[in-house]
Amino acid sequence: MNTINQQVGLDIAEKIFYSEENGSPYDRGGADSYYHRGFDPHWWPLGTGHGTRVNQQDMTEYELAAYHAGFTDNEKAGYFK
């Protein structure tokens, strides 16, 4: 795979998993931090509480990185309920 294709793939992954869309890994990481629920990687492909929850053991490296980023970004911002 050439560098351009690798970057396009990364760009798509970032748009999907670093999305703030309800249920995304990034969204769930931020929400867990906001509500003081602790670090528990997961996400909901159909939106929070809809469909099947994807737990840490079934997450890809991009999904885990997005969850971590959402959690960390909120911790740094200090935005808590």
N, C-alpha and C. Protein backbone atom coordinates (compact mmCIF):
# COMPACT_ATOMS: atom_id res chain seq x y z
N MET A 1 0.86 -1.18 0.00
CA MET A 1 0.00 0.00 0.00
C MET A 1 0.90 1.23 0.00
N ASN A 2 0.59 2.19 -0.87
CA ASN A 2 1.44 3.38 -0.90
C ASN A 2 1.04 4.37 0.19
N THR A 3 1.89 5.37 0.39
CA THR A 3 1.69 6.33 1.47
C THR A 3 0.38 7.09 1.33
N ILE A 4 0.01 7.46 0.12
CA ILE A 4 -1.24 8.20 -0.09
C ILE A 4 -2.43 7.35 0.34
N ASN A 5 -2.47 6.08 -0.06
CA ASN A 5 -3.57 5.20 0.34
C ASN A 5 -3.58 4.98 1.86
N GLN A 6 -2.41 4.88 2.45
CA GLN A 6 -2.35 4.72 3.90
C GLN A 6 -2.93 5.95 4.59
N GLN A 7 -2.59 7.14 4.09
CA GLN A 7 -3.08 8.37 4.70
C GLN A 7 -4.58 8.50 4.51
N VAL A 8 -5.09 8.14 3.33
CA VAL A 8 -6.53 8.20 3.08
C VAL A 8 -7.26 7.28 4.05
N GLY A 9 -6.71 6.07 4.24
CA GLY A 9 -7.32 5.14 5.19
C GLY A 9 -7.32 5.71 6.60
N LEU A 10 -6.24 6.35 7.01
CA LEU A 10 -6.15 6.95 8.34
C LEU A 10 -7.13 8.11 8.46
N ASP A 11 -7.24 8.93 7.41
CA ASP A 11 -8.18 10.04 7.43
C ASP A 11 -9.61 9.55 7.62
N ILE A 12 -9.97 8.48 6.92
CA ILE A 12 -11.32 7.92 7.05
C ILE A 12 -11.53 7.39 8.46
N ALA A 13 -10.56 6.67 8.98
CA ALA A 13 -10.67 6.13 10.34
C ALA A 13 -10.83 7.26 11.36
N GLU A 14 -10.06 8.33 11.19
CA GLU A 14 -10.14 9.44 12.13
C GLU A 14 -11.52 10.10 12.07
N LYS A 15 -12.06 10.26 10.87
CA LYS A 15 -13.38 10.88 10.74
C LYS A 15 -14.46 10.03 11.37
N ILE A 16 -14.32 8.72 11.27
CA ILE A 16 -15.32 7.82 11.85
C ILE A 16 -15.15 7.73 13.35
N PHE A 17 -13.98 7.42 13.81
CA PHE A 17 -13.78 7.10 15.21
C PHE A 17 -13.47 8.29 16.10
N TYR A 18 -12.96 9.38 15.53
CA TYR A 18 -12.73 10.58 16.33
C TYR A 18 -13.91 11.53 16.20
N SER A 19 -14.95 11.05 15.58
CA SER A 19 -16.18 11.81 15.45
C SER A 19 -16.80 12.02 16.82
N GLU A 20 -17.46 13.15 16.99
CA GLU A 20 -18.17 13.42 18.23
C GLU A 20 -19.62 12.94 18.14
N GLU A 21 -19.92 12.18 17.09
CA GLU A 21 -21.27 11.65 16.92
C GLU A 21 -21.64 10.77 18.11
N ASN A 22 -22.89 10.87 18.52
CA ASN A 22 -23.37 10.11 19.66
C ASN A 22 -23.07 8.63 19.50
N GLY A 23 -22.40 8.07 20.49
CA GLY A 23 -22.09 6.65 20.50
C GLY A 23 -20.71 6.30 19.99
N SER A 24 -20.03 7.25 19.32
CA SER A 24 -18.71 6.97 18.76
C SER A 24 -17.71 6.72 19.89
N PRO A 25 -16.59 6.07 19.59
CA PRO A 25 -15.60 5.84 20.63
C PRO A 25 -15.14 7.14 21.30
N TYR A 26 -14.91 8.17 20.51
CA TYR A 26 -14.48 9.46 21.07
C TYR A 26 -15.55 10.03 21.99
N ASP A 27 -16.79 9.99 21.56
CA ASP A 27 -17.93 10.48 22.34
C ASP A 27 -18.05 9.73 23.66
N ARG A 28 -17.95 8.41 23.62
CA ARG A 28 -18.10 7.61 24.85
C ARG A 28 -16.95 7.86 25.81
N GLY A 29 -15.72 8.04 25.29
CA GLY A 29 -14.60 8.36 26.17
C GLY A 29 -14.82 9.68 26.89
N GLY A 30 -15.25 10.68 26.15
CA GLY A 30 -15.53 11.97 26.75
C GLY A 30 -16.65 11.90 27.77
N ALA A 31 -17.69 11.15 27.45
CA ALA A 31 -18.84 11.01 28.37
C ALA A 31 -18.44 10.28 29.64
N ASP A 32 -17.63 9.23 29.53
CA ASP A 32 -17.20 8.50 30.71
C ASP A 32 -16.40 9.41 31.64
N SER A 33 -15.54 10.24 31.06
CA SER A 33 -14.78 11.19 31.86
C SER A 33 -15.72 12.23 32.48
N TYR A 34 -16.59 12.81 31.68
CA TYR A 34 -17.52 13.86 32.13
C TYR A 34 -18.35 13.40 33.33
N TYR A 35 -18.84 12.17 33.27
CA TYR A 35 -19.68 11.64 34.34
C TYR A 35 -18.90 10.89 35.42
N HIS A 36 -17.56 11.00 35.40
CA HIS A 36 -16.70 10.35 36.41
C HIS A 36 -16.93 8.83 36.46
N ARG A 37 -17.17 8.22 35.30
CA ARG A 37 -17.42 6.77 35.29
C ARG A 37 -16.15 5.94 35.21
N GLY A 38 -15.03 6.56 35.00
CA GLY A 38 -13.78 5.81 34.88
C GLY A 38 -13.52 5.37 33.45
N PHE A 39 -12.33 4.90 33.22
CA PHE A 39 -11.86 4.50 31.89
C PHE A 39 -12.36 3.11 31.56
N ASP A 40 -13.30 2.99 30.64
CA ASP A 40 -13.92 1.72 30.27
C ASP A 40 -14.20 1.73 28.76
N PRO A 41 -13.17 1.48 27.92
CA PRO A 41 -13.33 1.58 26.48
C PRO A 41 -14.51 0.77 25.93
N HIS A 42 -15.34 1.46 25.15
CA HIS A 42 -16.50 0.85 24.49
C HIS A 42 -17.07 1.88 23.52
N TRP A 43 -18.01 1.44 22.71
CA TRP A 43 -18.75 2.37 21.87
C TRP A 43 -20.01 1.71 21.35
N TRP A 44 -20.90 2.50 20.78
CA TRP A 44 -22.19 2.04 20.28
C TRP A 44 -22.32 2.43 18.81
N PRO A 45 -22.14 1.51 17.86
CA PRO A 45 -22.20 1.83 16.43
C PRO A 45 -23.52 2.48 15.98
N LEU A 46 -24.62 2.18 16.64
CA LEU A 46 -25.92 2.74 16.24
C LEU A 46 -26.34 3.92 17.11
N GLY A 47 -25.42 4.43 17.92
CA GLY A 47 -25.74 5.51 18.85
C GLY A 47 -25.87 4.95 20.26
N THR A 48 -25.58 5.78 21.23
CA THR A 48 -25.55 5.34 22.63
C THR A 48 -26.83 4.64 23.04
N GLY A 49 -26.67 3.40 23.52
CA GLY A 49 -27.80 2.63 24.00
C GLY A 49 -28.59 1.92 22.93
N HIS A 50 -28.16 2.03 21.67
CA HIS A 50 -28.89 1.39 20.56
C HIS A 50 -28.02 0.32 19.92
N GLY A 51 -28.62 -0.80 19.59
CA GLY A 51 -27.87 -1.89 18.98
C GLY A 51 -27.02 -2.59 20.00
N THR A 52 -25.86 -3.05 19.57
CA THR A 52 -24.97 -3.82 20.43
C THR A 52 -23.76 -2.99 20.82
N ARG A 53 -23.50 -2.93 22.10
CA ARG A 53 -22.32 -2.23 22.61
C ARG A 53 -21.06 -3.01 22.22
N VAL A 54 -20.05 -2.30 21.73
CA VAL A 54 -18.76 -2.90 21.39
C VAL A 54 -17.82 -2.65 22.58
N ASN A 55 -17.38 -3.72 23.22
CA ASN A 55 -16.51 -3.62 24.39
C ASN A 55 -15.04 -3.65 24.01
N GLN A 56 -14.19 -3.31 24.95
CA GLN A 56 -12.76 -3.16 24.71
C GLN A 56 -12.14 -4.34 23.97
N GLN A 57 -12.47 -5.54 24.35
CA GLN A 57 -11.82 -6.71 23.73
C GLN A 57 -12.17 -6.84 22.24
N ASP A 58 -13.23 -6.19 21.79
CA ASP A 58 -13.64 -6.26 20.39
C ASP A 58 -13.34 -4.99 19.62
N MET A 59 -12.64 -4.05 20.23
CA MET A 59 -12.35 -2.77 19.57
C MET A 59 -11.03 -2.84 18.80
N THR A 60 -10.97 -2.09 17.70
CA THR A 60 -9.74 -1.99 16.92
C THR A 60 -8.80 -0.99 17.59
N GLU A 61 -7.57 -0.94 17.12
CA GLU A 61 -6.62 0.02 17.67
C GLU A 61 -7.10 1.45 17.45
N TYR A 62 -7.74 1.74 16.31
CA TYR A 62 -8.27 3.09 16.05
C TYR A 62 -9.40 3.42 17.00
N GLU A 63 -10.28 2.48 17.25
CA GLU A 63 -11.39 2.69 18.17
C GLU A 63 -10.88 2.94 19.59
N LEU A 64 -9.90 2.14 20.02
CA LEU A 64 -9.32 2.33 21.34
C LEU A 64 -8.62 3.69 21.45
N ALA A 65 -7.90 4.06 20.40
CA ALA A 65 -7.22 5.36 20.41
C ALA A 65 -8.23 6.51 20.47
N ALA A 66 -9.34 6.37 19.77
CA ALA A 66 -10.37 7.41 19.77
C ALA A 66 -11.02 7.52 21.14
N TYR A 67 -11.34 6.39 21.75
CA TYR A 67 -11.92 6.41 23.10
C TYR A 67 -10.95 7.10 24.06
N HIS A 68 -9.68 6.69 24.00
CA HIS A 68 -8.66 7.27 24.87
C HIS A 68 -8.56 8.78 24.65
N ALA A 69 -8.58 9.21 23.39
CA ALA A 69 -8.49 10.63 23.08
C ALA A 69 -9.69 11.39 23.65
N GLY A 70 -10.88 10.84 23.51
CA GLY A 70 -12.07 11.50 24.05
C GLY A 70 -12.00 11.63 25.56
N PHE A 71 -11.57 10.57 26.22
CA PHE A 71 -11.44 10.57 27.68
C PHE A 71 -10.39 11.60 28.11
N THR A 72 -9.22 11.53 27.48
CA THR A 72 -8.11 12.42 27.83
C THR A 72 -8.43 13.88 27.53
N ASP A 73 -9.05 14.14 26.38
CA ASP A 73 -9.40 15.52 26.02
C ASP A 73 -10.33 16.12 27.07
N ASN A 74 -11.29 15.35 27.53
CA ASN A 74 -12.21 15.87 28.54
C ASN A 74 -11.51 16.05 29.89
N GLU A 75 -10.63 15.12 30.25
CA GLU A 75 -9.89 15.26 31.49
C GLU A 75 -9.06 16.55 31.47
N LYS A 76 -8.40 16.81 30.34
CA LYS A 76 -7.57 18.02 30.22
C LYS A 76 -8.43 19.28 30.27
N ALA A 77 -9.62 19.21 29.67
CA ALA A 77 -10.51 20.37 29.65
C ALA A 77 -11.13 20.63 31.03
N GLY A 78 -11.19 19.57 31.85
CA GLY A 78 -11.77 19.72 33.18
C GLY A 78 -13.27 19.95 33.15
N TYR A 79 -13.94 19.40 32.15
CA TYR A 79 -15.38 19.58 31.98
C TYR A 79 -16.10 18.38 32.59
N PHE A 80 -16.61 18.55 33.80
CA PHE A 80 -17.23 17.44 34.52
C PHE A 80 -18.61 17.83 35.03
N LYS A 81 -19.42 16.84 35.22
CA LYS A 81 -20.75 17.07 35.79
C LYS A 81 -20.64 17.06 37.29
